[in-house]
Amino acid sequence: MKYLAAYFLAQLGSKRGKPTADDLKKILTSVSIEVEEDRVMQVVEALNGKDLEELIEQGLQKMTSVPSGATAAIAATVGAAPATVGRESKEDAKAAEKEEAAEESDEDLGFGLFD
């Protein structure tokens, strides 16, 4: 990804249209990134002479066809939530009543926070 970003930066810069491997190396080393020679050459050869706007458009079209896992997970939890609401058993209800009674009895200990 860093090599692709460097290629786009070089293409947007003064060498619009034909960035060289040296251009990419210069960009990457300026921000202290170790450069792998084979990766740089691979990117330059694959993208040489291609239009930046067309590449971005192709990438966006590919990304719209990719399903998002987060959306499916949210839909699953939202769909499951109504099924569990209101299904408390009698034991759960009794336990909740006992908790409330215990909390109420703690309130009348004869002293308060600001006394």
PDB file of N, CA and C in Angstrom:
ATOM      1  N   MET A   1       0.823  -1.183   0.000  1.00  0.00           N
ATOM      2  CA  MET A   1       0.000   0.000   0.000  1.00  0.00           C
ATOM      3  C   MET A   1       0.875   1.257   0.000  1.00  0.00           C
ATOM      4  N   LYS A   2       1.971   1.202   0.741  1.00  0.00           N
ATOM      5  CA  LYS A   2       2.844   2.380   0.804  1.00  0.00           C
ATOM      6  C   LYS A   2       3.487   2.666  -0.540  1.00  0.00           C
ATOM      7  N   TYR A   3       3.756   1.615  -1.313  1.00  0.00           N
ATOM      8  CA  TYR A   3       4.354   1.806  -2.630  1.00  0.00           C
ATOM      9  C   TYR A   3       3.326   2.408  -3.601  1.00  0.00           C
ATOM     10  N   LEU A   4       2.109   1.963  -3.469  1.00  0.00           N
ATOM     11  CA  LEU A   4       1.037   2.507  -4.294  1.00  0.00           C
ATOM     12  C   LEU A   4       0.791   3.978  -3.967  1.00  0.00           C
ATOM     13  N   ALA A   5       0.798   4.308  -2.683  1.00  0.00           N
ATOM     14  CA  ALA A   5       0.630   5.703  -2.268  1.00  0.00           C
ATOM     15  C   ALA A   5       1.770   6.570  -2.789  1.00  0.00           C
ATOM     16  N   ALA A   6       2.979   6.058  -2.735  1.00  0.00           N
ATOM     17  CA  ALA A   6       4.124   6.810  -3.249  1.00  0.00           C
ATOM     18  C   ALA A   6       4.006   7.009  -4.755  1.00  0.00           C
ATOM     19  N   TYR A   7       3.511   5.998  -5.457  1.00  0.00           N
ATOM     20  CA  TYR A   7       3.319   6.128  -6.910  1.00  0.00           C
ATOM     21  C   TYR A   7       2.302   7.220  -7.222  1.00  0.00           C
ATOM     22  N   PHE A   8       1.184   7.217  -6.484  1.00  0.00           N
ATOM     23  CA  PHE A   8       0.162   8.238  -6.717  1.00  0.00           C
ATOM     24  C   PHE A   8       0.690   9.628  -6.395  1.00  0.00           C
ATOM     25  N   LEU A   9       1.462   9.744  -5.334  1.00  0.00           N
ATOM     26  CA  LEU A   9       2.051  11.047  -5.002  1.00  0.00           C
ATOM     27  C   LEU A   9       2.991  11.526  -6.108  1.00  0.00           C
ATOM     28  N   ALA A  10       3.796  10.614  -6.620  1.00  0.00           N
ATOM     29  CA  ALA A  10       4.719  10.980  -7.693  1.00  0.00           C
ATOM     30  C   ALA A  10       3.961  11.363  -8.957  1.00  0.00           C
ATOM     31  N   GLN A  11       2.865  10.657  -9.224  1.00  0.00           N
ATOM     32  CA  GLN A  11       2.077  10.954 -10.413  1.00  0.00           C
ATOM     33  C   GLN A  11       1.370  12.302 -10.272  1.00  0.00           C
ATOM     34  N   LEU A  12       0.941  12.626  -9.075  1.00  0.00           N
ATOM     35  CA  LEU A  12       0.301  13.918  -8.848  1.00  0.00           C
ATOM     36  C   LEU A  12       1.300  15.066  -8.860  1.00  0.00           C
ATOM     37  N   GLY A  13       2.559  14.735  -8.596  1.00  0.00           N
ATOM     38  CA  GLY A  13       3.608  15.756  -8.542  1.00  0.00           C
ATOM     39  C   GLY A  13       4.089  16.159  -9.923  1.00  0.00           C
ATOM     40  N   SER A  14       5.312  16.521  -9.993  1.00  0.00           N
ATOM     41  CA  SER A  14       5.881  17.073 -11.219  1.00  0.00           C
ATOM     42  C   SER A  14       6.038  16.055 -12.341  1.00  0.00           C
ATOM     43  N   LYS A  15       6.069  14.777 -12.015  1.00  0.00           N
ATOM     44  CA  LYS A  15       6.261  13.737 -13.031  1.00  0.00           C
ATOM     45  C   LYS A  15       4.933  13.096 -13.427  1.00  0.00           C
ATOM     46  N   ARG A  16       3.928  13.878 -13.615  1.00  0.00           N
ATOM     47  CA  ARG A  16       2.583  13.370 -13.909  1.00  0.00           C
ATOM     48  C   ARG A  16       2.608  12.438 -15.130  1.00  0.00           C
ATOM     49  N   GLY A  17       2.160  11.227 -14.894  1.00  0.00           N
ATOM     50  CA  GLY A  17       2.060  10.276 -15.984  1.00  0.00           C
ATOM     51  C   GLY A  17       3.071   9.149 -15.944  1.00  0.00           C
ATOM     52  N   LYS A  18       4.325   9.420 -15.604  1.00  0.00           N
ATOM     53  CA  LYS A  18       5.345   8.373 -15.646  1.00  0.00           C
ATOM     54  C   LYS A  18       6.317   8.469 -14.479  1.00  0.00           C
ATOM     55  N   PRO A  19       5.896   8.126 -13.268  1.00  0.00           N
ATOM     56  CA  PRO A  19       6.859   8.098 -12.162  1.00  0.00           C
ATOM     57  C   PRO A  19       7.845   6.943 -12.346  1.00  0.00           C
ATOM     58  N   THR A  20       9.054   7.160 -11.923  1.00  0.00           N
ATOM     59  CA  THR A  20      10.089   6.129 -12.028  1.00  0.00           C
ATOM     60  C   THR A  20      10.301   5.478 -10.663  1.00  0.00           C
ATOM     61  N   ALA A  21      11.074   4.406 -10.665  1.00  0.00           N
ATOM     62  CA  ALA A  21      11.401   3.724  -9.415  1.00  0.00           C
ATOM     63  C   ALA A  21      12.171   4.659  -8.483  1.00  0.00           C
ATOM     64  N   ASP A  22      13.025   5.486  -9.056  1.00  0.00           N
ATOM     65  CA  ASP A  22      13.787   6.444  -8.242  1.00  0.00           C
ATOM     66  C   ASP A  22      12.870   7.468  -7.570  1.00  0.00           C
ATOM     67  N   ASP A  23      11.814   7.871  -8.268  1.00  0.00           N
ATOM     68  CA  ASP A  23      10.849   8.806  -7.676  1.00  0.00           C
ATOM     69  C   ASP A  23      10.185   8.179  -6.442  1.00  0.00           C
ATOM     70  N   LEU A  24       9.780   6.924  -6.564  1.00  0.00           N
ATOM     71  CA  LEU A  24       9.152   6.235  -5.440  1.00  0.00           C
ATOM     72  C   LEU A  24      10.116   6.068  -4.282  1.00  0.00           C
ATOM     73  N   LYS A  25      11.352   5.683  -4.585  1.00  0.00           N
ATOM     74  CA  LYS A  25      12.358   5.513  -3.535  1.00  0.00           C
ATOM     75  C   LYS A  25      12.602   6.823  -2.792  1.00  0.00           C
ATOM     76  N   LYS A  26      12.668   7.906  -3.537  1.00  0.00           N
ATOM     77  CA  LYS A  26      12.903   9.215  -2.931  1.00  0.00           C
ATOM     78  C   LYS A  26      11.764   9.582  -1.976  1.00  0.00           C
ATOM     79  N   ILE A  27      10.531   9.336  -2.384  1.00  0.00           N
ATOM     80  CA  ILE A  27       9.372   9.644  -1.541  1.00  0.00           C
ATOM     81  C   ILE A  27       9.379   8.778  -0.281  1.00  0.00           C
ATOM     82  N   LEU A  28       9.594   7.485  -0.457  1.00  0.00           N
ATOM     83  CA  LEU A  28       9.548   6.561   0.679  1.00  0.00           C
ATOM     84  C   LEU A  28      10.680   6.795   1.667  1.00  0.00           C
ATOM     85  N   THR A  29      11.883   7.039   1.172  1.00  0.00           N
ATOM     86  CA  THR A  29      13.007   7.272   2.083  1.00  0.00           C
ATOM     87  C   THR A  29      12.900   8.626   2.783  1.00  0.00           C
ATOM     88  N   SER A  30      12.164   9.553   2.206  1.00  0.00           N
ATOM     89  CA  SER A  30      11.997  10.861   2.856  1.00  0.00           C
ATOM     90  C   SER A  30      11.186  10.763   4.143  1.00  0.00           C
ATOM     91  N   VAL A  31      10.413   9.687   4.288  1.00  0.00           N
ATOM     92  CA  VAL A  31       9.639   9.480   5.511  1.00  0.00           C
ATOM     93  C   VAL A  31      10.120   8.237   6.262  1.00  0.00           C
ATOM     94  N   SER A  32      11.385   7.894   6.054  1.00  0.00           N
ATOM     95  CA  SER A  32      12.087   6.814   6.770  1.00  0.00           C
ATOM     96  C   SER A  32      11.441   5.444   6.604  1.00  0.00           C
ATOM     97  N   ILE A  33      11.023   5.136   5.393  1.00  0.00           N
ATOM     98  CA  ILE A  33      10.466   3.811   5.095  1.00  0.00           C
ATOM     99  C   ILE A  33      11.531   3.017   4.361  1.00  0.00           C
ATOM    100  N   GLU A  34      11.745   1.771   4.816  1.00  0.00           N
ATOM    101  CA  GLU A  34      12.682   0.885   4.135  1.00  0.00           C
ATOM    102  C   GLU A  34      12.089   0.483   2.797  1.00  0.00           C
ATOM    103  N   VAL A  35      12.868   0.576   1.764  1.00  0.00           N
ATOM    104  CA  VAL A  35      12.392   0.326   0.410  1.00  0.00           C
ATOM    105  C   VAL A  35      12.816  -1.066  -0.043  1.00  0.00           C
ATOM    106  N   GLU A  36      11.849  -1.836  -0.525  1.00  0.00           N
ATOM    107  CA  GLU A  36      12.128  -3.140  -1.128  1.00  0.00           C
ATOM    108  C   GLU A  36      12.144  -2.938  -2.638  1.00  0.00           C
ATOM    109  N   GLU A  37      13.295  -3.161  -3.219  1.00  0.00           N
ATOM    110  CA  GLU A  37      13.514  -2.889  -4.646  1.00  0.00           C
ATOM    111  C   GLU A  37      12.509  -3.618  -5.537  1.00  0.00           C
ATOM    112  N   ASP A  38      12.258  -4.906  -5.231  1.00  0.00           N
ATOM    113  CA  ASP A  38      11.352  -5.679  -6.081  1.00  0.00           C
ATOM    114  C   ASP A  38       9.920  -5.153  -6.034  1.00  0.00           C
ATOM    115  N   ARG A  39       9.489  -4.692  -4.861  1.00  0.00           N
ATOM    116  CA  ARG A  39       8.136  -4.126  -4.731  1.00  0.00           C
ATOM    117  C   ARG A  39       8.001  -2.833  -5.530  1.00  0.00           C
ATOM    118  N   VAL A  40       9.018  -1.998  -5.451  1.00  0.00           N
ATOM    119  CA  VAL A  40       9.001  -0.732  -6.188  1.00  0.00           C
ATOM    120  C   VAL A  40       8.898  -1.008  -7.682  1.00  0.00           C
ATOM    121  N   MET A  41       9.716  -1.920  -8.176  1.00  0.00           N
ATOM    122  CA  MET A  41       9.698  -2.240  -9.605  1.00  0.00           C
ATOM    123  C   MET A  41       8.359  -2.846 -10.029  1.00  0.00           C
ATOM    124  N   GLN A  42       7.788  -3.668  -9.171  1.00  0.00           N
ATOM    125  CA  GLN A  42       6.501  -4.299  -9.461  1.00  0.00           C
ATOM    126  C   GLN A  42       5.404  -3.243  -9.623  1.00  0.00           C
ATOM    127  N   VAL A  43       5.370  -2.257  -8.723  1.00  0.00           N
ATOM    128  CA  VAL A  43       4.361  -1.205  -8.788  1.00  0.00           C
ATOM    129  C   VAL A  43       4.563  -0.341 -10.027  1.00  0.00           C
ATOM    130  N   VAL A  44       5.804   0.037 -10.300  1.00  0.00           N
ATOM    131  CA  VAL A  44       6.089   0.891 -11.453  1.00  0.00           C
ATOM    132  C   VAL A  44       5.712   0.185 -12.754  1.00  0.00           C
ATOM    133  N   GLU A  45       6.026  -1.088 -12.862  1.00  0.00           N
ATOM    134  CA  GLU A  45       5.702  -1.835 -14.084  1.00  0.00           C
ATOM    135  C   GLU A  45       4.195  -2.027 -14.250  1.00  0.00           C
ATOM    136  N   ALA A  46       3.501  -2.290 -13.152  1.00  0.00           N
ATOM    137  CA  ALA A  46       2.059  -2.546 -13.225  1.00  0.00           C
ATOM    138  C   ALA A  46       1.265  -1.282 -13.545  1.00  0.00           C
ATOM    139  N   LEU A  47       1.715  -0.137 -13.063  1.00  0.00           N
ATOM    140  CA  LEU A  47       0.940   1.094 -13.211  1.00  0.00           C
ATOM    141  C   LEU A  47       1.496   2.063 -14.241  1.00  0.00           C
ATOM    142  N   ASN A  48       2.565   1.695 -14.902  1.00  0.00           N
ATOM    143  CA  ASN A  48       3.220   2.595 -15.848  1.00  0.00           C
ATOM    144  C   ASN A  48       2.260   3.015 -16.962  1.00  0.00           C
ATOM    145  N   GLY A  49       2.031   4.318 -17.088  1.00  0.00           N
ATOM    146  CA  GLY A  49       1.199   4.867 -18.146  1.00  0.00           C
ATOM    147  C   GLY A  49      -0.296   4.830 -17.896  1.00  0.00           C
ATOM    148  N   LYS A  50      -0.732   4.343 -16.762  1.00  0.00           N
ATOM    149  CA  LYS A  50      -2.169   4.276 -16.469  1.00  0.00           C
ATOM    150  C   LYS A  50      -2.627   5.591 -15.841  1.00  0.00           C
ATOM    151  N   ASP A  51      -3.889   5.911 -16.064  1.00  0.00           N
ATOM    152  CA  ASP A  51      -4.466   7.148 -15.564  1.00  0.00           C
ATOM    153  C   ASP A  51      -4.892   6.986 -14.101  1.00  0.00           C
ATOM    154  N   LEU A  52      -4.506   7.933 -13.263  1.00  0.00           N
ATOM    155  CA  LEU A  52      -4.802   7.885 -11.842  1.00  0.00           C
ATOM    156  C   LEU A  52      -6.304   7.876 -11.576  1.00  0.00           C
ATOM    157  N   GLU A  53      -7.051   8.716 -12.256  1.00  0.00           N
ATOM    158  CA  GLU A  53      -8.494   8.795 -12.036  1.00  0.00           C
ATOM    159  C   GLU A  53      -9.193   7.484 -12.405  1.00  0.00           C
ATOM    160  N   GLU A  54      -8.759   6.840 -13.472  1.00  0.00           N
ATOM    161  CA  GLU A  54      -9.342   5.564 -13.873  1.00  0.00           C
ATOM    162  C   GLU A  54      -9.051   4.477 -12.841  1.00  0.00           C
ATOM    163  N   LEU A  55      -7.839   4.461 -12.317  1.00  0.00           N
ATOM    164  CA  LEU A  55      -7.478   3.472 -11.297  1.00  0.00           C
ATOM    165  C   LEU A  55      -8.314   3.645 -10.036  1.00  0.00           C
ATOM    166  N   ILE A  56      -8.510   4.888  -9.629  1.00  0.00           N
ATOM    167  CA  ILE A  56      -9.323   5.150  -8.437  1.00  0.00           C
ATOM    168  C   ILE A  56     -10.763   4.727  -8.674  1.00  0.00           C
ATOM    169  N   GLU A  57     -11.308   5.027  -9.838  1.00  0.00           N
ATOM    170  CA  GLU A  57     -12.688   4.640 -10.172  1.00  0.00           C
ATOM    171  C   GLU A  57     -12.850   3.126 -10.170  1.00  0.00           C
ATOM    172  N   GLN A  58     -11.886   2.409 -10.736  1.00  0.00           N
ATOM    173  CA  GLN A  58     -11.939   0.943 -10.743  1.00  0.00           C
ATOM    174  C   GLN A  58     -11.902   0.399  -9.315  1.00  0.00           C
ATOM    175  N   GLY A  59     -11.064   0.994  -8.463  1.00  0.00           N
ATOM    176  CA  GLY A  59     -10.980   0.561  -7.076  1.00  0.00           C
ATOM    177  C   GLY A  59     -12.264   0.803  -6.318  1.00  0.00           C
ATOM    178  N   LEU A  60     -12.898   1.940  -6.563  1.00  0.00           N
ATOM    179  CA  LEU A  60     -14.168   2.245  -5.897  1.00  0.00           C
ATOM    180  C   LEU A  60     -15.262   1.276  -6.322  1.00  0.00           C
ATOM    181  N   GLN A  61     -15.299   0.917  -7.594  1.00  0.00           N
ATOM    182  CA  GLN A  61     -16.294  -0.042  -8.067  1.00  0.00           C
ATOM    183  C   GLN A  61     -16.096  -1.404  -7.424  1.00  0.00           C
ATOM    184  N   LYS A  62     -14.846  -1.797  -7.238  1.00  0.00           N
ATOM    185  CA  LYS A  62     -14.569  -3.081  -6.593  1.00  0.00           C
ATOM    186  C   LYS A  62     -14.974  -3.053  -5.121  1.00  0.00           C
ATOM    187  N   MET A  63     -14.752  -1.919  -4.466  1.00  0.00           N
ATOM    188  CA  MET A  63     -15.073  -1.819  -3.039  1.00  0.00           C
ATOM    189  C   MET A  63     -16.578  -1.834  -2.783  1.00  0.00           C
ATOM    190  N   THR A  64     -17.381  -1.341  -3.706  1.00  0.00           N
ATOM    191  CA  THR A  64     -18.830  -1.334  -3.507  1.00  0.00           C
ATOM    192  C   THR A  64     -19.417  -2.730  -3.592  1.00  0.00           C
ATOM    193  N   SER A  65     -18.713  -3.652  -4.248  1.00  0.00           N
ATOM    194  CA  SER A  65     -19.224  -5.014  -4.366  1.00  0.00           C
ATOM    195  C   SER A  65     -18.804  -5.901  -3.200  1.00  0.00           C
ATOM    196  N   VAL A  66     -17.952  -5.405  -2.322  1.00  0.00           N
ATOM    197  CA  VAL A  66     -17.482  -6.199  -1.188  1.00  0.00           C
ATOM    198  C   VAL A  66     -18.482  -6.081  -0.041  1.00  0.00           C
ATOM    199  N   PRO A  67     -19.001  -7.208   0.469  1.00  0.00           N
ATOM    200  CA  PRO A  67     -19.940  -7.119   1.590  1.00  0.00           C
ATOM    201  C   PRO A  67     -19.218  -6.717   2.868  1.00  0.00           C
ATOM    202  N   SER A  68     -19.911  -5.998   3.698  1.00  0.00           N
ATOM    203  CA  SER A  68     -19.340  -5.538   4.959  1.00  0.00           C
ATOM    204  C   SER A  68     -19.781  -6.461   6.073  1.00  0.00           C
ATOM    205  N   GLY A  69     -18.851  -7.021   6.805  1.00  0.00           N
ATOM    206  CA  GLY A  69     -19.181  -7.924   7.906  1.00  0.00           C
ATOM    207  C   GLY A  69     -19.842  -7.222   9.065  1.00  0.00           C
ATOM    208  N   ALA A  70     -19.521  -5.963   9.281  1.00  0.00           N
ATOM    209  CA  ALA A  70     -20.096  -5.225  10.398  1.00  0.00           C
ATOM    210  C   ALA A  70     -21.589  -5.032  10.214  1.00  0.00           C
ATOM    211  N   THR A  71     -22.030  -4.790   9.004  1.00  0.00           N
ATOM    212  CA  THR A  71     -23.446  -4.593   8.745  1.00  0.00           C
ATOM    213  C   THR A  71     -24.229  -5.861   9.049  1.00  0.00           C
ATOM    214  N   ALA A  72     -23.693  -7.000   8.666  1.00  0.00           N
ATOM    215  CA  ALA A  72     -24.368  -8.265   8.932  1.00  0.00           C
ATOM    216  C   ALA A  72     -24.441  -8.552  10.425  1.00  0.00           C
ATOM    217  N   ALA A  73     -23.381  -8.234  11.152  1.00  0.00           N
ATOM    218  CA  ALA A  73     -23.376  -8.476  12.594  1.00  0.00           C
ATOM    219  C   ALA A  73     -24.389  -7.588  13.300  1.00  0.00           C
ATOM    220  N   ILE A  74     -24.486  -6.341  12.885  1.00  0.00           N
ATOM    221  CA  ILE A  74     -25.456  -5.426  13.485  1.00  0.00           C
ATOM    222  C   ILE A  74     -26.869  -5.885  13.183  1.00  0.00           C
ATOM    223  N   ALA A  75     -27.117  -6.291  11.956  1.00  0.00           N
ATOM    224  CA  ALA A  75     -28.452  -6.755  11.584  1.00  0.00           C
ATOM    225  C   ALA A  75     -28.833  -7.991  12.390  1.00  0.00           C
ATOM    226  N   ALA A  76     -27.882  -8.862  12.636  1.00  0.00           N
ATOM    227  CA  ALA A  76     -28.159 -10.074  13.401  1.00  0.00           C
ATOM    228  C   ALA A  76     -28.506  -9.744  14.845  1.00  0.00           C
ATOM    229  N   THR A  77     -27.798  -8.812  15.441  1.00  0.00           N
ATOM    230  CA  THR A  77     -28.089  -8.478  16.830  1.00  0.00           C
ATOM    231  C   THR A  77     -29.379  -7.700  16.955  1.00  0.00           C
ATOM    232  N   VAL A  78     -29.661  -6.835  16.014  1.00  0.00           N
ATOM    233  CA  VAL A  78     -30.920  -6.085  16.049  1.00  0.00           C
ATOM    234  C   VAL A  78     -32.089  -7.022  15.840  1.00  0.00           C
ATOM    235  N   GLY A  79     -31.940  -7.965  14.938  1.00  0.00           N
ATOM    236  CA  GLY A  79     -33.011  -8.924  14.683  1.00  0.00           C
ATOM    237  C   GLY A  79     -33.248  -9.850  15.864  1.00  0.00           C
ATOM    238  N   ALA A  80     -32.221 -10.155  16.620  1.00  0.00           N
ATOM    239  CA  ALA A  80     -32.357 -11.068  17.751  1.00  0.00           C
ATOM    240  C   ALA A  80     -32.864 -10.367  19.002  1.00  0.00           C
ATOM    241  N   ALA A  81     -32.674  -9.083  19.104  1.00  0.00           N
ATOM    242  CA  ALA A  81     -33.045  -8.352  20.320  1.00  0.00           C
ATOM    243  C   ALA A  81     -34.532  -8.416  20.637  1.00  0.00           C
ATOM    244  N   PRO A  82     -35.444  -8.174  19.701  1.00  0.00           N
ATOM    245  CA  PRO A  82     -36.861  -8.206  20.056  1.00  0.00           C
ATOM    246  C   PRO A  82     -37.333  -9.574  20.515  1.00  0.00           C
ATOM    247  N   ALA A  83     -36.700 -10.634  20.067  1.00  0.00           N
ATOM    248  CA  ALA A  83     -37.127 -11.966  20.455  1.00  0.00           C
ATOM    249  C   ALA A  83     -36.866 -12.234  21.932  1.00  0.00           C
ATOM    250  N   THR A  84     -35.879 -11.619  22.524  1.00  0.00           N
ATOM    251  CA  THR A  84     -35.549 -11.889  23.911  1.00  0.00           C
ATOM    252  C   THR A  84     -36.205 -10.920  24.877  1.00  0.00           C
ATOM    253  N   VAL A  85     -36.704  -9.807  24.390  1.00  0.00           N
ATOM    254  CA  VAL A  85     -37.324  -8.818  25.261  1.00  0.00           C
ATOM    255  C   VAL A  85     -38.646  -9.363  25.782  1.00  0.00           C
ATOM    256  N   GLY A  86     -38.882  -9.239  27.088  1.00  0.00           N
ATOM    257  CA  GLY A  86     -40.147  -9.643  27.686  1.00  0.00           C
ATOM    258  C   GLY A  86     -40.245 -11.111  28.016  1.00  0.00           C
ATOM    259  N   ARG A  87     -39.183 -11.843  27.938  1.00  0.00           N
ATOM    260  CA  ARG A  87     -39.212 -13.275  28.231  1.00  0.00           C
ATOM    261  C   ARG A  87     -38.604 -13.587  29.592  1.00  0.00           C
ATOM    262  N   GLU A  88     -38.758 -12.728  30.522  1.00  0.00           N
ATOM    263  CA  GLU A  88     -38.223 -12.998  31.850  1.00  0.00           C
ATOM    264  C   GLU A  88     -39.047 -14.096  32.512  1.00  0.00           C
ATOM    265  N   SER A  89     -38.365 -14.975  33.158  1.00  0.00           N
ATOM    266  CA  SER A  89     -39.083 -16.025  33.867  1.00  0.00           C
ATOM    267  C   SER A  89     -39.551 -15.494  35.211  1.00  0.00           C
ATOM    268  N   LYS A  90     -40.412 -16.247  35.851  1.00  0.00           N
ATOM    269  CA  LYS A  90     -40.935 -15.835  37.159  1.00  0.00           C
ATOM    270  C   LYS A  90     -39.815 -15.751  38.185  1.00  0.00           C
ATOM    271  N   GLU A  91     -38.828 -16.620  38.057  1.00  0.00           N
ATOM    272  CA  GLU A  91     -37.705 -16.600  38.995  1.00  0.00           C
ATOM    273  C   GLU A  91     -36.890 -15.326  38.848  1.00  0.00           C
ATOM    274  N   ASP A  92     -36.681 -14.888  37.626  1.00  0.00           N
ATOM    275  CA  ASP A  92     -35.948 -13.648  37.388  1.00  0.00           C
ATOM    276  C   ASP A  92     -36.696 -12.457  37.964  1.00  0.00           C
ATOM    277  N   ALA A  93     -37.997 -12.451  37.811  1.00  0.00           N
ATOM    278  CA  ALA A  93     -38.804 -11.348  38.321  1.00  0.00           C
ATOM    279  C   ALA A  93     -38.750 -11.315  39.851  1.00  0.00           C
ATOM    280  N   LYS A  94     -38.812 -12.486  40.488  1.00  0.00           N
ATOM    281  CA  LYS A  94     -38.747 -12.537  41.948  1.00  0.00           C
ATOM    282  C   LYS A  94     -37.376 -12.080  42.445  1.00  0.00           C
ATOM    283  N   ALA A  95     -36.328 -12.477  41.770  1.00  0.00           N
ATOM    284  CA  ALA A  95     -34.980 -12.074  42.159  1.00  0.00           C
ATOM    285  C   ALA A  95     -34.833 -10.562  42.041  1.00  0.00           C
ATOM    286  N   ALA A  96     -35.395  -9.974  41.022  1.00  0.00           N
ATOM    287  CA  ALA A  96     -35.329  -8.524  40.846  1.00  0.00           C
ATOM    288  C   ALA A  96     -36.091  -7.808  41.951  1.00  0.00           C
ATOM    289  N   GLU A  97     -37.236  -8.344  42.361  1.00  0.00           N
ATOM    290  CA  GLU A  97     -38.013  -7.733  43.437  1.00  0.00           C
ATOM    291  C   GLU A  97     -37.240  -7.790  44.759  1.00  0.00           C
ATOM    292  N   LYS A  98     -36.562  -8.902  45.026  1.00  0.00           N
ATOM    293  CA  LYS A  98     -35.778  -9.036  46.251  1.00  0.00           C
ATOM    294  C   LYS A  98     -34.621  -8.038  46.266  1.00  0.00           C
ATOM    295  N   GLU A  99     -33.987  -7.825  45.115  1.00  0.00           N
ATOM    296  CA  GLU A  99     -32.896  -6.852  45.020  1.00  0.00           C
ATOM    297  C   GLU A  99     -33.392  -5.452  45.311  1.00  0.00           C
ATOM    298  N   GLU A 100     -34.536  -5.110  44.754  1.00  0.00           N
ATOM    299  CA  GLU A 100     -35.102  -3.780  44.975  1.00  0.00           C
ATOM    300  C   GLU A 100     -35.444  -3.586  46.445  1.00  0.00           C
ATOM    301  N   ALA A 101     -35.986  -4.610  47.084  1.00  0.00           N
ATOM    302  CA  ALA A 101     -36.336  -4.516  48.495  1.00  0.00           C
ATOM    303  C   ALA A 101     -35.072  -4.329  49.341  1.00  0.00           C
ATOM    304  N   ALA A 102     -34.002  -5.015  48.996  1.00  0.00           N
ATOM    305  CA  ALA A 102     -32.757  -4.884  49.737  1.00  0.00           C
ATOM    306  C   ALA A 102     -32.174  -3.487  49.557  1.00  0.00           C
ATOM    307  N   GLU A 103     -32.262  -2.923  48.376  1.00  0.00           N
ATOM    308  CA  GLU A 103     -31.757  -1.573  48.127  1.00  0.00           C
ATOM    309  C   GLU A 103     -32.556  -0.539  48.915  1.00  0.00           C
ATOM    310  N   GLU A 104     -33.870  -0.716  48.975  1.00  0.00           N
ATOM    311  CA  GLU A 104     -34.717   0.228  49.708  1.00  0.00           C
ATOM    312  C   GLU A 104     -34.395   0.198  51.196  1.00  0.00           C
ATOM    313  N   SER A 105     -34.128  -0.984  51.749  1.00  0.00           N
ATOM    314  CA  SER A 105     -33.842  -1.075  53.176  1.00  0.00           C
ATOM    315  C   SER A 105     -32.499  -0.432  53.504  1.00  0.00           C
ATOM    316  N   ASP A 106     -31.578  -0.405  52.582  1.00  0.00           N
ATOM    317  CA  ASP A 106     -30.282   0.224  52.804  1.00  0.00           C
ATOM    318  C   ASP A 106     -30.389   1.746  52.868  1.00  0.00           C
ATOM    319  N   GLU A 107     -31.412   2.298  52.286  1.00  0.00           N
ATOM    320  CA  GLU A 107     -31.562   3.741  52.240  1.00  0.00           C
ATOM    321  C   GLU A 107     -31.873   4.338  53.608  1.00  0.00           C
ATOM    322  N   ASP A 108     -32.483   3.611  54.525  1.00  0.00           N
ATOM    323  CA  ASP A 108     -32.889   4.138  55.837  1.00  0.00           C
ATOM    324  C   ASP A 108     -31.928   3.723  56.942  1.00  0.00           C
ATOM    325  N   LEU A 109     -30.665   3.929  56.774  1.00  0.00           N
ATOM    326  CA  LEU A 109     -29.712   3.569  57.806  1.00  0.00           C
ATOM    327  C   LEU A 109     -29.506   4.685  58.810  1.00  0.00           C
ATOM    328  N   GLY A 110     -30.124   5.803  58.615  1.00  0.00           N
ATOM    329  CA  GLY A 110     -30.039   6.888  59.589  1.00  0.00           C
ATOM    330  C   GLY A 110     -28.971   7.908  59.291  1.00  0.00           C
ATOM    331  N   PHE A 111     -28.214   7.742  58.269  1.00  0.00           N
ATOM    332  CA  PHE A 111     -27.245   8.765  57.928  1.00  0.00           C
ATOM    333  C   PHE A 111     -27.209   8.907  56.414  1.00  0.00           C
ATOM    334  N   GLY A 112     -26.822  10.059  55.982  1.00  0.00           N
ATOM    335  CA  GLY A 112     -26.794  10.334  54.550  1.00  0.00           C
ATOM    336  C   GLY A 112     -25.435  10.862  54.150  1.00  0.00           C
ATOM    337  N   LEU A 113     -25.278  11.111  52.934  1.00  0.00           N
ATOM    338  CA  LEU A 113     -24.017  11.588  52.399  1.00  0.00           C
ATOM    339  C   LEU A 113     -23.693  12.988  52.860  1.00  0.00           C
ATOM    340  N   PHE A 114     -24.702  13.844  53.014  1.00  0.00           N
ATOM    341  CA  PHE A 114     -24.475  15.236  53.372  1.00  0.00           C
ATOM    342  C   PHE A 114     -24.884  15.572  54.803  1.00  0.00           C
ATOM    343  N   ASP A 115     -25.040  14.587  55.680  1.00  0.00           N
ATOM    344  CA  ASP A 115     -25.431  14.848  57.084  1.00  0.00           C
ATOM    345  C   ASP A 115     -24.246  15.298  57.903  1.00  0.00           C
TER     346      ASP A 115
END
